[in-house]
Amino acid sequence: MENNHLVVFNELHDQLMNYPRDTLWDTYLKIIVSEQLRKIEYSDEAFEPEKLSRQQIYAKAKNIDEKSVDSQTAKNAVKTTKLKATLEAFIDDQPDCKKAFINLGYKPIIVTSASGGGSKNKTLLWMDIQTIDSEQSEQEQIDKLATVEADSDIEEDEDLSTITYERKATSDVKPSLFTKLFFNQGELKILSVKGVFLMLLLMAVFVFDVLIGIYAFLVLLLLDDLPTISLWQAILFSAMIPFAYISWRYFFMPLYLLPYHRVIKAPMFFANVNVDNADIEMYRDENRLNVARVTEFTATCPICSGTIILAQGRPDQKSPLVGRCKEAPHAHVYSFDRMTMKGYFLGVPGYLANISL
């Protein structure tokens, strides 16, 4: 006898894996369906859903310890109504996906329930299947499965115009080899021995860049008066000028601006090659002394649920750094305030009015 749950979940899993969009809500769906498949794989009995709490789903999506996830944070991040709408839209918007489930005669649905009465009980989520030609509404299907959502778990509509940033702990940031030389557990006191040495190194790099640029420029300027110079030497001297500019632009200048901007993108050598995003923040410790730390500021895009990271504001924004969605970096743009950890939509006026949740 064919296991309809297994067939439908496998089809959804394959469709999600082949879907090019990488958003948080798609990750939630992948986690839920993967857990259902794992439960079916190790069970010889009738279908028994793997019920997950919001904390479990959020922790798996962020790859962090479940115990470190606050219940309110999980509630705000994993909204059941948005999760159901995302699954429905995923199926309806892709002809191949919709056709596959029509041929199977079943489609996957998200089911939610409270673990019992009381305000402190967790909402549990899992996945089930529903016949496509069924005339039952989703609410009737939920009632049939004896699931009830607690009154205290009512979700508010999400505000697309604002976001809340999260600051990654320095212990969770993978440092580069250069950072390990100066930063102690991801932090560096500017007036410490290592801090002073790093500042002297930066000044030396700056002076070296200036001298290289001047020397290479003079050599090229007097090239006709140097008959003994070969072609490869001329090319070498020519390459010194862009090398000096790159070193000055992407290494010295960002660190020079750190005390003024307080947050910068981690320049070259400070970010690990295996990490695609890292920031450096400067703050004052209990002694009012400047401390630099390697971290990462991220947020979840309320429009598409993609990951928002800090990026250069230019050319379309005036601020040095803004939050840009990795899925739509020029359309989903938000401001960044490191003190309030809030951001506000900076895109075209009226853009959000035409977007439905």
Protein backbone atom coordinates (compact mmCIF):
# COMPACT_ATOMS: atom_id res chain seq x y z
CA MET A 1 0.00 0.00 0.00
CA GLU A 2 1.41 3.37 -1.01
CA ASN A 3 2.17 5.78 1.80
CA ASN A 4 0.55 9.00 0.60
CA HIS A 5 2.21 11.06 3.31
CA LEU A 6 5.64 9.85 2.29
CA VAL A 7 5.02 10.52 -1.42
CA VAL A 8 3.64 14.03 -0.84
CA PHE A 9 6.35 15.02 1.63
CA ASN A 10 9.09 13.71 -0.64
CA GLU A 11 7.67 15.69 -3.54
CA LEU A 12 7.49 18.87 -1.46
CA HIS A 13 11.01 18.32 -0.15
CA ASP A 14 12.37 17.94 -3.69
CA GLN A 15 10.49 21.02 -4.89
CA LEU A 16 11.85 23.11 -2.01
CA MET A 17 15.40 21.95 -2.61
CA ASN A 18 15.14 22.87 -6.30
CA TYR A 19 13.56 26.24 -5.59
CA PRO A 20 16.17 28.98 -6.14
CA ARG A 21 14.90 31.37 -3.46
CA ASP A 22 16.73 31.24 -0.14
CA THR A 23 14.47 32.85 2.46
CA LEU A 24 13.72 32.20 6.10
CA TRP A 25 10.18 31.00 5.46
CA ASP A 26 11.39 28.50 2.87
CA THR A 27 13.91 27.30 5.46
CA TYR A 28 11.10 26.82 7.96
CA LEU A 29 9.19 24.69 5.45
CA LYS A 30 12.28 22.61 4.69
CA ILE A 31 12.79 21.97 8.40
CA ILE A 32 9.18 20.92 8.99
CA VAL A 33 8.95 18.58 6.01
CA SER A 34 12.38 17.09 6.75
CA GLU A 35 11.29 16.28 10.30
CA GLN A 36 8.12 14.63 9.01
CA LEU A 37 10.15 12.50 6.59
CA ARG A 38 12.57 11.53 9.34
CA LYS A 39 9.65 10.46 11.57
CA ILE A 40 8.14 8.37 8.76
CA GLU A 41 11.50 6.79 7.95
CA TYR A 42 11.93 5.44 11.47
CA SER A 43 8.31 4.41 11.97
CA ASP A 44 6.56 1.31 10.63
CA GLU A 45 3.17 2.34 11.99
CA ALA A 46 0.51 4.67 10.61
CA PHE A 47 1.44 8.29 10.06
CA GLU A 48 2.26 10.05 13.30
CA PRO A 49 3.28 13.71 12.84
CA GLU A 50 6.48 15.14 14.26
CA LYS A 51 5.24 18.14 16.21
CA LEU A 52 7.68 21.02 16.51
CA SER A 53 7.60 24.09 18.69
CA ARG A 54 8.42 27.50 17.32
CA GLN A 55 11.62 27.52 19.34
CA GLN A 56 12.73 24.27 17.69
CA ILE A 57 12.01 25.55 14.19
CA TYR A 58 13.70 28.90 14.79
CA ALA A 59 16.75 27.30 16.41
CA LYS A 60 17.20 24.85 13.51
CA ALA A 61 16.80 27.66 10.96
CA LYS A 62 19.39 29.82 12.72
CA ASN A 63 21.61 26.84 13.62
CA ILE A 64 21.68 27.78 17.29
CA ASP A 65 20.87 26.10 20.59
CA GLU A 66 17.14 25.81 21.21
CA LYS A 67 17.61 26.73 24.88
CA SER A 68 18.96 30.14 23.87
CA VAL A 69 15.79 31.05 21.94
CA ASP A 70 13.31 33.23 23.80
CA SER A 71 9.68 32.19 23.36
CA GLN A 72 8.61 35.70 22.34
CA THR A 73 11.42 35.90 19.78
CA ALA A 74 10.29 32.59 18.29
CA LYS A 75 6.66 33.72 18.27
CA ASN A 76 7.53 36.91 16.41
CA ALA A 77 9.75 35.07 13.93
CA VAL A 78 7.60 32.00 13.19
CA LYS A 79 4.10 33.25 12.41
CA THR A 80 1.75 30.39 11.60
CA THR A 81 -0.47 32.44 9.30
CA LYS A 82 2.52 33.57 7.24
CA LEU A 83 3.88 30.01 7.19
CA LYS A 84 0.61 28.64 5.81
CA ALA A 85 0.38 31.44 3.26
CA THR A 86 3.97 30.79 2.16
CA LEU A 87 3.26 27.10 1.57
CA GLU A 88 0.09 27.87 -0.39
CA ALA A 89 1.87 30.49 -2.49
CA PHE A 90 4.81 28.15 -3.09
CA ILE A 91 2.50 25.51 -4.55
CA ASP A 92 0.22 27.86 -6.51
CA ASP A 93 2.96 30.05 -8.00
CA GLN A 94 4.95 27.21 -9.55
CA PRO A 95 3.17 25.31 -12.35
CA ASP A 96 5.40 22.22 -12.03
CA CYS A 97 4.85 22.01 -8.29
CA LYS A 98 1.09 22.51 -8.54
CA LYS A 99 0.81 19.95 -11.33
CA ALA A 100 2.77 17.39 -9.33
CA PHE A 101 0.38 17.58 -6.37
CA ILE A 102 -2.68 17.54 -8.67
CA ASN A 103 -1.40 14.29 -10.16
CA LEU A 104 -0.92 12.87 -6.67
CA GLY A 105 -4.38 14.00 -5.58
CA TYR A 106 -3.01 15.40 -2.33
CA LYS A 107 -1.30 18.55 -1.19
CA PRO A 108 0.66 19.33 1.99
CA ILE A 109 -0.78 21.64 4.64
CA ILE A 110 0.54 23.21 7.83
CA VAL A 111 -1.31 22.23 10.98
CA THR A 112 -1.02 24.00 14.32
CA SER A 113 -2.24 23.19 17.79
CA ALA A 114 -1.72 24.26 21.38
CA SER A 115 -0.35 21.72 23.81
CA GLY A 116 -3.25 22.37 26.15
CA GLY A 117 -4.98 25.12 28.11
CA GLY A 118 -3.08 27.96 29.68
CA SER A 119 -1.13 30.93 28.44
CA LYS A 120 2.30 29.33 28.85
CA ASN A 121 1.67 26.34 26.61
CA LYS A 122 3.60 26.23 23.39
CA THR A 123 2.05 26.20 19.95
CA LEU A 124 3.10 23.10 18.03
CA LEU A 125 3.38 22.87 14.26
CA TRP A 126 3.58 19.96 11.87
CA MET A 127 2.67 18.97 8.34
CA ASP A 128 -0.18 16.82 7.06
CA ILE A 129 -1.81 16.18 3.70
CA GLN A 130 -5.20 17.10 2.30
CA THR A 131 -7.05 15.81 -0.75
CA ILE A 132 -7.08 18.48 -3.42
CA ASP A 133 -10.68 17.84 -4.46
CA SER A 134 -11.90 18.08 -0.89
CA GLU A 135 -14.55 20.73 -0.28
CA GLN A 136 -13.59 21.04 3.35
CA SER A 137 -12.15 24.35 4.35
CA GLU A 138 -8.82 24.52 6.09
CA GLN A 139 -10.53 25.36 9.36
CA GLU A 140 -12.72 22.24 9.08
CA GLN A 141 -9.62 20.19 8.38
CA ILE A 142 -7.97 21.58 11.50
CA ASP A 143 -11.09 20.82 13.56
CA LYS A 144 -11.11 17.28 12.21
CA LEU A 145 -7.54 16.85 13.36
CA ALA A 146 -8.56 18.17 16.79
CA THR A 147 -6.17 21.10 16.79
CA VAL A 148 -6.82 24.27 18.69
CA GLU A 149 -4.82 27.47 18.78
CA ALA A 150 -4.65 29.21 22.14
CA ASP A 151 -6.31 32.60 22.51
CA SER A 152 -3.06 33.97 23.93
CA ASP A 153 -1.27 33.01 20.70
CA ILE A 154 -3.13 35.38 18.40
CA GLU A 155 -0.72 36.86 15.88
CA GLU A 156 -0.56 40.50 14.96
CA ASP A 157 -0.15 41.72 11.39
CA GLU A 158 3.47 42.27 10.48
CA ASP A 159 4.66 45.80 9.83
CA LEU A 160 6.54 45.80 6.53
CA SER A 161 7.95 49.28 7.10
CA THR A 162 10.17 48.40 10.08
CA ILE A 163 12.69 45.72 10.99
CA THR A 164 14.61 44.75 14.10
CA TYR A 165 18.28 43.88 13.80
CA GLU A 166 20.07 41.13 15.69
CA ARG A 167 23.71 41.38 16.78
CA LYS A 168 25.62 38.12 16.58
CA ALA A 169 27.74 37.27 19.60
CA THR A 170 31.48 37.54 19.00
CA SER A 171 31.87 33.91 20.08
CA ASP A 172 29.64 32.87 17.15
CA VAL A 173 31.67 34.79 14.54
CA LYS A 174 34.39 32.85 12.76
CA PRO A 175 37.52 35.05 12.84
CA SER A 176 40.25 35.26 10.23
CA LEU A 177 43.88 34.44 10.97
CA PHE A 178 44.73 38.14 10.90
CA THR A 179 41.99 38.90 13.43
CA LYS A 180 43.21 36.18 15.79
CA LEU A 181 46.60 37.92 15.99
CA PHE A 182 45.14 41.09 17.50
CA PHE A 183 41.61 40.38 18.76
CA ASN A 184 41.06 38.47 22.00
CA GLN A 185 37.88 36.41 21.65
CA GLY A 186 36.68 38.72 18.91
CA GLU A 187 37.37 41.98 20.78
CA LEU A 188 40.26 44.45 20.83
CA LYS A 189 40.86 47.28 23.30
CA ILE A 190 42.20 50.16 21.26
CA LEU A 191 44.61 51.41 23.97
CA SER A 192 45.98 47.95 24.74
CA VAL A 193 49.40 46.80 23.55
CA LYS A 194 47.87 44.94 20.61
CA GLY A 195 45.59 47.88 19.83
CA VAL A 196 48.46 50.37 19.72
CA PHE A 197 50.52 47.97 17.63
CA LEU A 198 47.64 47.58 15.16
CA MET A 199 47.29 51.36 14.85
CA LEU A 200 51.01 51.69 14.18
CA LEU A 201 50.71 48.95 11.59
CA LEU A 202 47.88 50.83 9.91
CA MET A 203 49.95 54.01 9.79
CA ALA A 204 52.86 52.06 8.36
CA VAL A 205 50.60 50.57 5.69
CA PHE A 206 49.29 54.02 4.84
CA VAL A 207 52.79 55.50 4.50
CA PHE A 208 53.93 52.47 2.51
CA ASP A 209 50.97 52.84 0.13
CA VAL A 210 51.76 56.52 -0.41
CA LEU A 211 55.43 55.80 -1.09
CA ILE A 212 54.61 52.95 -3.47
CA GLY A 213 52.18 55.15 -5.39
CA ILE A 214 54.63 58.05 -5.63
CA TYR A 215 57.54 55.80 -6.62
CA ALA A 216 55.55 53.96 -9.29
CA PHE A 217 54.18 57.24 -10.68
CA LEU A 218 57.67 58.77 -10.92
CA VAL A 219 59.05 55.68 -12.63
CA LEU A 220 56.30 55.78 -15.25
CA LEU A 221 56.69 59.53 -15.64
CA LEU A 222 60.46 59.19 -16.29
CA LEU A 223 60.14 56.00 -18.32
CA ASP A 224 61.72 57.59 -21.42
CA ASP A 225 64.79 58.57 -19.39
CA LEU A 226 65.34 55.03 -18.11
CA PRO A 227 66.61 53.10 -21.12
CA THR A 228 67.61 50.06 -19.07
CA ILE A 229 64.09 49.28 -17.79
CA SER A 230 62.46 46.20 -19.31
CA LEU A 231 58.83 45.63 -20.24
CA TRP A 232 58.05 43.36 -17.30
CA GLN A 233 59.51 45.93 -14.91
CA ALA A 234 57.32 48.63 -16.43
CA ILE A 235 54.26 46.39 -15.99
CA LEU A 236 55.29 45.71 -12.39
CA PHE A 237 55.59 49.39 -11.59
CA SER A 238 52.23 50.05 -13.29
CA ALA A 239 50.58 47.41 -11.08
CA MET A 240 51.88 49.12 -7.94
CA ILE A 241 49.51 52.07 -8.32
CA PRO A 242 46.21 50.08 -8.28
CA PHE A 243 47.67 47.85 -5.53
CA ALA A 244 48.34 50.91 -3.37
CA TYR A 245 44.84 52.24 -4.07
CA ILE A 246 43.13 48.95 -3.19
CA SER A 247 45.12 48.68 0.04
CA TRP A 248 44.24 52.25 0.96
CA ARG A 249 40.58 52.03 -0.08
CA TYR A 250 39.64 48.63 1.32
CA PHE A 251 41.99 48.26 4.29
CA PHE A 252 43.11 51.59 5.70
CA MET A 253 40.09 53.85 5.06
CA PRO A 254 37.40 51.57 6.61
CA LEU A 255 39.42 51.24 9.83
CA TYR A 256 40.17 54.97 9.83
CA LEU A 257 36.41 55.69 9.69
CA LEU A 258 35.50 53.18 12.42
CA PRO A 259 35.72 55.66 15.35
CA TYR A 260 33.43 58.05 13.46
CA HIS A 261 30.86 55.63 12.02
CA ARG A 262 31.03 53.16 14.95
CA VAL A 263 30.10 50.29 12.60
CA ILE A 264 31.84 49.31 9.38
CA LYS A 265 31.94 46.31 7.09
CA ALA A 266 34.88 44.13 8.05
CA PRO A 267 37.69 45.07 5.63
CA MET A 268 39.93 42.59 3.88
CA PHE A 269 42.00 40.34 6.16
CA PHE A 270 39.51 40.91 9.03
CA ALA A 271 36.75 38.69 7.63
CA ASN A 272 37.17 34.93 7.35
CA VAL A 273 37.29 33.71 3.75
CA ASN A 274 34.57 31.17 4.55
CA VAL A 275 32.19 33.86 5.84
CA ASP A 276 30.27 36.01 3.38
CA ASN A 277 29.32 38.71 5.88
CA ALA A 278 31.05 40.29 8.88
CA ASP A 279 31.01 43.69 10.58
CA ILE A 280 33.24 45.54 13.03
CA GLU A 281 31.60 47.59 15.76
CA MET A 282 33.23 50.02 18.16
CA TYR A 283 31.74 50.62 21.59
CA ARG A 284 32.84 51.99 24.96
CA ASP A 285 33.46 49.67 27.90
CA GLU A 286 32.82 50.39 31.58
CA ASN A 287 35.93 52.59 31.65
CA ARG A 288 34.69 54.62 28.66
CA LEU A 289 37.50 53.25 26.52
CA ASN A 290 36.97 52.27 22.90
CA VAL A 291 36.71 48.56 22.15
CA ALA A 292 36.40 47.08 18.65
CA ARG A 293 34.66 43.77 18.15
CA VAL A 294 33.91 41.55 15.19
CA THR A 295 30.21 40.82 14.88
CA GLU A 296 27.38 40.60 12.36
CA PHE A 297 24.18 42.62 12.15
CA THR A 298 21.28 40.85 10.45
CA ALA A 299 17.50 41.05 10.25
CA THR A 300 14.69 39.17 8.57
CA CYS A 301 13.12 40.96 5.62
CA PRO A 302 9.39 41.37 6.36
CA ILE A 303 8.62 41.57 2.64
CA CYS A 304 10.17 38.32 1.40
CA SER A 305 11.70 36.78 4.60
CA GLY A 306 15.18 36.93 3.10
CA THR A 307 18.18 37.82 5.25
CA ILE A 308 18.99 41.51 5.59
CA ILE A 309 22.67 42.38 6.05
CA LEU A 310 24.53 45.65 6.31
CA ALA A 311 25.86 46.98 3.01
CA GLN A 312 27.16 50.20 1.51
CA GLY A 313 24.49 52.88 1.17
CA ARG A 314 25.83 54.29 -2.07
CA PRO A 315 24.84 54.95 -4.75
CA ASP A 316 21.11 55.07 -3.97
CA GLN A 317 21.26 55.99 -0.25
CA LYS A 318 22.99 58.78 1.67
CA SER A 319 23.85 56.77 4.79
CA PRO A 320 27.23 54.97 4.83
CA LEU A 321 25.55 51.68 5.79
CA VAL A 322 22.01 50.44 5.23
CA GLY A 323 20.29 47.10 5.54
CA ARG A 324 19.90 45.36 2.19
CA CYS A 325 17.96 42.15 1.63
CA LYS A 326 20.16 39.48 0.06
CA GLU A 327 17.27 38.43 -2.20
CA ALA A 328 16.36 41.97 -3.37
CA PRO A 329 19.22 44.28 -2.39
CA HIS A 330 17.99 47.29 -4.38
CA ALA A 331 14.26 47.03 -3.65
CA HIS A 332 14.15 45.91 -0.01
CA VAL A 333 16.32 48.53 1.69
CA TYR A 334 16.11 49.64 5.32
CA SER A 335 17.91 52.14 7.54
CA PHE A 336 20.22 51.02 10.35
CA ASP A 337 20.37 52.39 13.90
CA ARG A 338 22.84 50.52 16.10
CA MET A 339 21.50 52.13 19.28
CA THR A 340 17.85 51.12 18.86
CA MET A 341 18.60 48.15 16.57
CA LYS A 342 15.72 49.34 14.38
CA GLY A 343 15.44 50.02 10.68
CA TYR A 344 12.85 51.75 8.51
CA PHE A 345 11.97 51.19 4.86
CA LEU A 346 13.91 53.47 2.50
CA GLY A 347 12.46 52.36 -0.81
CA VAL A 348 10.05 53.97 -3.23
CA PRO A 349 7.08 55.68 -1.50
CA GLY A 350 3.92 53.62 -1.92
CA TYR A 351 5.86 50.41 -2.64
CA LEU A 352 4.69 48.66 0.52
CA ALA A 353 1.05 49.58 -0.09
CA ASN A 354 0.89 47.21 -3.05
CA ILE A 355 2.38 44.25 -1.19
CA SER A 356 0.08 41.80 0.58
CA LEU A 357 1.26 39.58 3.41
